[in-house]
């Protein structure tokens, strides 16, 4: 009986080691990028962190125990790498601010005026982004997966490793919080009508 358990564990570890990481990462790339964008807010940062996620997945310093649960494992790996990236950027930003305080560079605004339609759309995008940034990261990422990636509840549950009812509850809370943030920013009126 001990031998069969050991063999089962060995075959599970062997199955995890036999994963075709380039193919797996390619198949999960889009939704992982959405999760990272919800946490980081910058496309360049997402690209950089995805490289770190890919490298960490291939190196497997925290090995994958069950190849069938690769999506939740990649999700946790992506969140961890995003946190490490934010810490790194915080240290870099602090260094830059200290330098800027010492040097006091002068800046001039060389932007040209844009058409009104573009300006209004840009302003609305910024306000929605501000509202998303004010939300907890879990709320922002689930909203982006639902509406940005157009995933259904089952797909979200499977990739995040949570239950269907948990997805429903989290989406309900996230929508309510986003609605209240948009109302606070005067993007929508309390009745739901848009102002911008």
C-alpha atoms as a PDB file:
ATOM      1  CA  UNK A   1       0.000   0.000   0.000  1.00  0.00           C
ATOM      2  CA  UNK A   2       2.882   2.359   0.730  1.00  0.00           C
ATOM      3  CA  UNK A   3       4.425   1.546  -2.624  1.00  0.00           C
ATOM      4  CA  UNK A   4       1.255   2.440  -4.528  1.00  0.00           C
ATOM      5  CA  UNK A   5       0.972   5.770  -2.664  1.00  0.00           C
ATOM      6  CA  UNK A   6       4.624   6.532  -3.391  1.00  0.00           C
ATOM      7  CA  UNK A   7       4.132   5.588  -7.019  1.00  0.00           C
ATOM      8  CA  UNK A   8       1.057   7.841  -7.213  1.00  0.00           C
ATOM      9  CA  UNK A   9       3.033  10.751  -5.783  1.00  0.00           C
ATOM     10  CA  UNK A  10       5.960  10.067  -8.086  1.00  0.00           C
ATOM     11  CA  UNK A  11       3.698   9.867 -11.132  1.00  0.00           C
ATOM     12  CA  UNK A  12       1.974  13.139 -10.067  1.00  0.00           C
ATOM     13  CA  UNK A  13       5.358  14.837  -9.756  1.00  0.00           C
ATOM     14  CA  UNK A  14       6.471  13.323 -13.046  1.00  0.00           C
ATOM     15  CA  UNK A  15       3.261  14.560 -14.718  1.00  0.00           C
ATOM     16  CA  UNK A  16       3.890  18.069 -13.367  1.00  0.00           C
ATOM     17  CA  UNK A  17       7.486  17.919 -14.598  1.00  0.00           C
ATOM     18  CA  UNK A  18       6.354  16.766 -18.058  1.00  0.00           C
ATOM     19  CA  UNK A  19       4.212  19.871 -18.629  1.00  0.00           C
ATOM     20  CA  UNK A  20       4.876  21.634 -21.937  1.00  0.00           C
ATOM     21  CA  UNK A  21       5.423  25.074 -20.366  1.00  0.00           C
ATOM     22  CA  UNK A  22       5.604  27.131 -23.573  1.00  0.00           C
ATOM     23  CA  UNK A  23       2.233  25.727 -24.678  1.00  0.00           C
ATOM     24  CA  UNK A  24       0.656  26.079 -21.225  1.00  0.00           C
ATOM     25  CA  UNK A  25       1.879  29.655 -20.825  1.00  0.00           C
ATOM     26  CA  UNK A  26       0.667  30.545 -24.310  1.00  0.00           C
ATOM     27  CA  UNK A  27      -2.797  29.142 -23.582  1.00  0.00           C
ATOM     28  CA  UNK A  28      -3.088  31.082 -20.299  1.00  0.00           C
ATOM     29  CA  UNK A  29      -1.317  34.246 -21.475  1.00  0.00           C
ATOM     30  CA  UNK A  30      -4.332  36.468 -22.152  1.00  0.00           C
ATOM     31  CA  UNK A  31      -6.183  36.026 -18.855  1.00  0.00           C
ATOM     32  CA  UNK A  32      -2.957  36.182 -16.838  1.00  0.00           C
ATOM     33  CA  UNK A  33      -2.173  39.492 -18.550  1.00  0.00           C
ATOM     34  CA  UNK A  34      -5.641  40.740 -17.604  1.00  0.00           C
ATOM     35  CA  UNK A  35      -5.079  39.797 -13.953  1.00  0.00           C
ATOM     36  CA  UNK A  36      -1.693  41.513 -13.997  1.00  0.00           C
ATOM     37  CA  UNK A  37      -3.116  44.617 -15.670  1.00  0.00           C
ATOM     38  CA  UNK A  38      -5.733  44.845 -12.922  1.00  0.00           C
ATOM     39  CA  UNK A  39      -2.961  44.814 -10.344  1.00  0.00           C
ATOM     40  CA  UNK A  40      -0.338  46.906 -12.152  1.00  0.00           C
ATOM     41  CA  UNK A  41      -2.254  49.222 -14.488  1.00  0.00           C
ATOM     42  CA  UNK A  42       0.514  49.550 -17.094  1.00  0.00           C
ATOM     43  CA  UNK A  43       1.000  47.487 -20.254  1.00  0.00           C
ATOM     44  CA  UNK A  44       4.800  47.696 -20.004  1.00  0.00           C
ATOM     45  CA  UNK A  45       4.684  46.416 -16.425  1.00  0.00           C
ATOM     46  CA  UNK A  46       2.442  43.542 -17.510  1.00  0.00           C
ATOM     47  CA  UNK A  47       4.954  42.516 -20.193  1.00  0.00           C
ATOM     48  CA  UNK A  48       7.814  42.624 -17.717  1.00  0.00           C
ATOM     49  CA  UNK A  49       5.958  40.637 -15.056  1.00  0.00           C
ATOM     50  CA  UNK A  50       4.766  38.054 -17.606  1.00  0.00           C
ATOM     51  CA  UNK A  51       8.415  37.390 -18.421  1.00  0.00           C
ATOM     52  CA  UNK A  52       9.046  36.828 -14.714  1.00  0.00           C
ATOM     53  CA  UNK A  53       6.006  34.538 -14.463  1.00  0.00           C
ATOM     54  CA  UNK A  54       7.214  32.493 -17.433  1.00  0.00           C
ATOM     55  CA  UNK A  55      10.683  32.181 -15.975  1.00  0.00           C
ATOM     56  CA  UNK A  56       9.344  31.223 -12.531  1.00  0.00           C
ATOM     57  CA  UNK A  57       6.988  28.639 -14.062  1.00  0.00           C
ATOM     58  CA  UNK A  58       9.806  26.999 -15.977  1.00  0.00           C
ATOM     59  CA  UNK A  59      12.232  27.086 -13.012  1.00  0.00           C
ATOM     60  CA  UNK A  60       9.498  25.872 -10.610  1.00  0.00           C
ATOM     61  CA  UNK A  61      11.052  26.949  -7.337  1.00  0.00           C
ATOM     62  CA  UNK A  62       7.548  26.371  -5.917  1.00  0.00           C
ATOM     63  CA  UNK A  63       6.747  23.142  -7.806  1.00  0.00           C
ATOM     64  CA  UNK A  64       3.393  22.361  -9.331  1.00  0.00           C
ATOM     65  CA  UNK A  65       1.948  19.430  -7.366  1.00  0.00           C
ATOM     66  CA  UNK A  66      -0.920  18.585  -9.725  1.00  0.00           C
ATOM     67  CA  UNK A  67      -0.730  19.280 -13.458  1.00  0.00           C
ATOM     68  CA  UNK A  68      -4.542  19.463 -13.581  1.00  0.00           C
ATOM     69  CA  UNK A  69      -4.474  22.573 -11.371  1.00  0.00           C
ATOM     70  CA  UNK A  70      -2.088  24.582 -13.521  1.00  0.00           C
ATOM     71  CA  UNK A  71      -4.430  27.606 -13.893  1.00  0.00           C
ATOM     72  CA  UNK A  72      -4.780  28.344 -10.145  1.00  0.00           C
ATOM     73  CA  UNK A  73      -1.046  27.699  -9.707  1.00  0.00           C
ATOM     74  CA  UNK A  74      -0.216  30.181 -12.493  1.00  0.00           C
ATOM     75  CA  UNK A  75      -2.656  32.678 -10.956  1.00  0.00           C
ATOM     76  CA  UNK A  76      -0.873  32.531  -7.584  1.00  0.00           C
ATOM     77  CA  UNK A  77       2.485  32.757  -9.333  1.00  0.00           C
ATOM     78  CA  UNK A  78       1.356  35.830 -11.308  1.00  0.00           C
ATOM     79  CA  UNK A  79       0.031  37.561  -8.182  1.00  0.00           C
ATOM     80  CA  UNK A  80       3.298  36.876  -6.354  1.00  0.00           C
ATOM     81  CA  UNK A  81       5.371  38.221  -9.252  1.00  0.00           C
ATOM     82  CA  UNK A  82       3.137  41.319  -9.444  1.00  0.00           C
ATOM     83  CA  UNK A  83       3.736  42.010  -5.758  1.00  0.00           C
ATOM     84  CA  UNK A  84       7.488  41.627  -6.189  1.00  0.00           C
ATOM     85  CA  UNK A  85       7.381  43.972  -9.195  1.00  0.00           C
ATOM     86  CA  UNK A  86       5.437  46.618  -7.260  1.00  0.00           C
ATOM     87  CA  UNK A  87       7.966  46.481  -4.423  1.00  0.00           C
ATOM     88  CA  UNK A  88      10.816  46.857  -6.894  1.00  0.00           C
ATOM     89  CA  UNK A  89       9.098  49.803  -8.615  1.00  0.00           C
ATOM     90  CA  UNK A  90       8.355  51.422  -5.252  1.00  0.00           C
ATOM     91  CA  UNK A  91      12.032  51.371  -4.375  1.00  0.00           C
ATOM     92  CA  UNK A  92      12.927  52.757  -7.810  1.00  0.00           C
ATOM     93  CA  UNK A  93      10.266  55.492  -7.545  1.00  0.00           C
ATOM     94  CA  UNK A  94      11.558  56.511  -4.119  1.00  0.00           C
ATOM     95  CA  UNK A  95      15.081  56.781  -5.486  1.00  0.00           C
ATOM     96  CA  UNK A  96      13.855  58.894  -8.422  1.00  0.00           C
ATOM     97  CA  UNK A  97      11.830  61.181  -6.143  1.00  0.00           C
ATOM     98  CA  UNK A  98      14.838  61.726  -3.894  1.00  0.00           C
ATOM     99  CA  UNK A  99      16.926  62.650  -6.920  1.00  0.00           C
ATOM    100  CA  UNK A 100      14.194  64.952  -8.271  1.00  0.00           C
ATOM    101  CA  UNK A 101      13.916  66.699  -4.915  1.00  0.00           C
ATOM    102  CA  UNK A 102      17.641  67.431  -4.978  1.00  0.00           C
ATOM    103  CA  UNK A 103      17.872  68.526  -8.610  1.00  0.00           C
ATOM    104  CA  UNK A 104      14.495  70.304  -9.105  1.00  0.00           C
ATOM    105  CA  UNK A 105      14.255  69.927 -12.888  1.00  0.00           C
ATOM    106  CA  UNK A 106      11.940  72.295 -14.745  1.00  0.00           C
ATOM    107  CA  UNK A 107       9.280  70.805 -16.967  1.00  0.00           C
ATOM    108  CA  UNK A 108       7.241  72.412 -19.712  1.00  0.00           C
ATOM    109  CA  UNK A 109       4.005  71.045 -21.058  1.00  0.00           C
ATOM    110  CA  UNK A 110       4.468  70.599 -24.800  1.00  0.00           C
ATOM    111  CA  UNK A 111       1.167  68.814 -25.460  1.00  0.00           C
ATOM    112  CA  UNK A 112      -1.031  70.113 -28.223  1.00  0.00           C
ATOM    113  CA  UNK A 113      -4.777  70.482 -27.908  1.00  0.00           C
ATOM    114  CA  UNK A 114      -6.851  67.497 -29.034  1.00  0.00           C
ATOM    115  CA  UNK A 115     -10.335  67.273 -30.552  1.00  0.00           C
ATOM    116  CA  UNK A 116     -13.177  67.453 -28.045  1.00  0.00           C
ATOM    117  CA  UNK A 117     -14.484  63.952 -28.714  1.00  0.00           C
ATOM    118  CA  UNK A 118     -11.087  62.393 -28.071  1.00  0.00           C
ATOM    119  CA  UNK A 119     -10.660  64.479 -24.954  1.00  0.00           C
ATOM    120  CA  UNK A 120     -14.022  63.443 -23.492  1.00  0.00           C
ATOM    121  CA  UNK A 121     -13.395  59.773 -24.251  1.00  0.00           C
ATOM    122  CA  UNK A 122      -9.919  60.016 -22.771  1.00  0.00           C
ATOM    123  CA  UNK A 123     -11.263  61.722 -19.657  1.00  0.00           C
ATOM    124  CA  UNK A 124     -13.909  59.044 -19.188  1.00  0.00           C
ATOM    125  CA  UNK A 125     -11.310  56.275 -19.633  1.00  0.00           C
ATOM    126  CA  UNK A 126      -9.124  57.943 -17.023  1.00  0.00           C
ATOM    127  CA  UNK A 127     -12.020  58.266 -14.589  1.00  0.00           C
ATOM    128  CA  UNK A 128     -12.957  54.616 -15.030  1.00  0.00           C
ATOM    129  CA  UNK A 129      -9.289  53.686 -14.537  1.00  0.00           C
ATOM    130  CA  UNK A 130      -9.199  55.816 -11.363  1.00  0.00           C
ATOM    131  CA  UNK A 131     -12.348  54.066 -10.140  1.00  0.00           C
ATOM    132  CA  UNK A 132     -10.793  50.658 -10.888  1.00  0.00           C
ATOM    133  CA  UNK A 133      -7.585  51.698  -9.119  1.00  0.00           C
ATOM    134  CA  UNK A 134      -9.584  52.610  -6.022  1.00  0.00           C
ATOM    135  CA  UNK A 135     -11.070  49.120  -5.889  1.00  0.00           C
ATOM    136  CA  UNK A 136      -9.279  46.293  -4.115  1.00  0.00           C
ATOM    137  CA  UNK A 137      -7.088  44.355  -6.585  1.00  0.00           C
ATOM    138  CA  UNK A 138      -9.313  41.258  -6.306  1.00  0.00           C
ATOM    139  CA  UNK A 139     -12.350  43.293  -7.378  1.00  0.00           C
ATOM    140  CA  UNK A 140     -10.544  44.951 -10.288  1.00  0.00           C
ATOM    141  CA  UNK A 141      -9.146  41.690 -11.616  1.00  0.00           C
ATOM    142  CA  UNK A 142     -12.467  39.832 -11.493  1.00  0.00           C
ATOM    143  CA  UNK A 143     -14.224  42.729 -13.282  1.00  0.00           C
ATOM    144  CA  UNK A 144     -11.530  42.803 -15.969  1.00  0.00           C
ATOM    145  CA  UNK A 145     -11.761  39.040 -16.452  1.00  0.00           C
ATOM    146  CA  UNK A 146     -15.556  39.196 -16.729  1.00  0.00           C
ATOM    147  CA  UNK A 147     -15.897  42.262 -18.955  1.00  0.00           C
ATOM    148  CA  UNK A 148     -12.449  42.651 -20.534  1.00  0.00           C
ATOM    149  CA  UNK A 149     -11.910  38.992 -21.334  1.00  0.00           C
ATOM    150  CA  UNK A 150     -15.663  38.283 -21.609  1.00  0.00           C
ATOM    151  CA  UNK A 151     -15.388  35.156 -19.475  1.00  0.00           C
ATOM    152  CA  UNK A 152     -18.408  33.446 -17.964  1.00  0.00           C
ATOM    153  CA  UNK A 153     -18.619  32.518 -14.284  1.00  0.00           C
ATOM    154  CA  UNK A 154     -17.471  28.955 -14.921  1.00  0.00           C
ATOM    155  CA  UNK A 155     -14.295  30.076 -16.714  1.00  0.00           C
ATOM    156  CA  UNK A 156     -13.442  32.557 -13.958  1.00  0.00           C
ATOM    157  CA  UNK A 157     -14.035  29.923 -11.261  1.00  0.00           C
ATOM    158  CA  UNK A 158     -11.886  27.355 -13.054  1.00  0.00           C
ATOM    159  CA  UNK A 159      -8.951  29.708 -13.663  1.00  0.00           C
ATOM    160  CA  UNK A 160      -8.939  31.315 -10.217  1.00  0.00           C
ATOM    161  CA  UNK A 161      -9.502  28.015  -8.421  1.00  0.00           C
ATOM    162  CA  UNK A 162     -12.652  29.189  -6.603  1.00  0.00           C
ATOM    163  CA  UNK A 163     -16.285  28.065  -6.621  1.00  0.00           C
ATOM    164  CA  UNK A 164     -19.064  29.316  -8.902  1.00  0.00           C
ATOM    165  CA  UNK A 165     -20.944  30.904  -5.979  1.00  0.00           C
ATOM    166  CA  UNK A 166     -17.753  32.672  -4.861  1.00  0.00           C
ATOM    167  CA  UNK A 167     -17.429  34.162  -8.358  1.00  0.00           C
ATOM    168  CA  UNK A 168     -21.043  35.375  -8.222  1.00  0.00           C
ATOM    169  CA  UNK A 169     -20.543  36.956  -4.805  1.00  0.00           C
ATOM    170  CA  UNK A 170     -17.220  38.586  -5.712  1.00  0.00           C
ATOM    171  CA  UNK A 171     -18.624  39.975  -8.977  1.00  0.00           C
ATOM    172  CA  UNK A 172     -21.690  41.336  -7.201  1.00  0.00           C
ATOM    173  CA  UNK A 173     -19.533  43.106  -4.595  1.00  0.00           C
ATOM    174  CA  UNK A 174     -17.069  44.341  -7.226  1.00  0.00           C
ATOM    175  CA  UNK A 175     -19.852  45.802  -9.398  1.00  0.00           C
ATOM    176  CA  UNK A 176     -21.400  47.537  -6.404  1.00  0.00           C
ATOM    177  CA  UNK A 177     -18.040  49.002  -5.352  1.00  0.00           C
ATOM    178  CA  UNK A 178     -17.245  50.138  -8.901  1.00  0.00           C
ATOM    179  CA  UNK A 179     -20.673  51.759  -9.216  1.00  0.00           C
ATOM    180  CA  UNK A 180     -20.143  53.681  -5.971  1.00  0.00           C
ATOM    181  CA  UNK A 181     -16.639  54.788  -7.070  1.00  0.00           C
ATOM    182  CA  UNK A 182     -17.988  55.974 -10.426  1.00  0.00           C
ATOM    183  CA  UNK A 183     -20.744  57.858  -8.617  1.00  0.00           C
ATOM    184  CA  UNK A 184     -18.174  59.480  -6.319  1.00  0.00           C
ATOM    185  CA  UNK A 185     -16.177  60.572  -9.385  1.00  0.00           C
ATOM    186  CA  UNK A 186     -19.337  61.976 -11.043  1.00  0.00           C
ATOM    187  CA  UNK A 187     -19.014  59.579 -13.971  1.00  0.00           C
ATOM    188  CA  UNK A 188     -22.490  58.255 -13.266  1.00  0.00           C
ATOM    189  CA  UNK A 189     -25.354  59.700 -11.274  1.00  0.00           C
ATOM    190  CA  UNK A 190     -26.747  57.662  -8.399  1.00  0.00           C
ATOM    191  CA  UNK A 191     -29.628  56.603 -10.664  1.00  0.00           C
ATOM    192  CA  UNK A 192     -27.109  55.136 -13.140  1.00  0.00           C
ATOM    193  CA  UNK A 193     -27.157  57.846 -15.845  1.00  0.00           C
ATOM    194  CA  UNK A 194     -23.811  58.869 -17.286  1.00  0.00           C
ATOM    195  CA  UNK A 195     -22.586  62.444 -17.034  1.00  0.00           C
ATOM    196  CA  UNK A 196     -19.332  62.223 -18.960  1.00  0.00           C
END
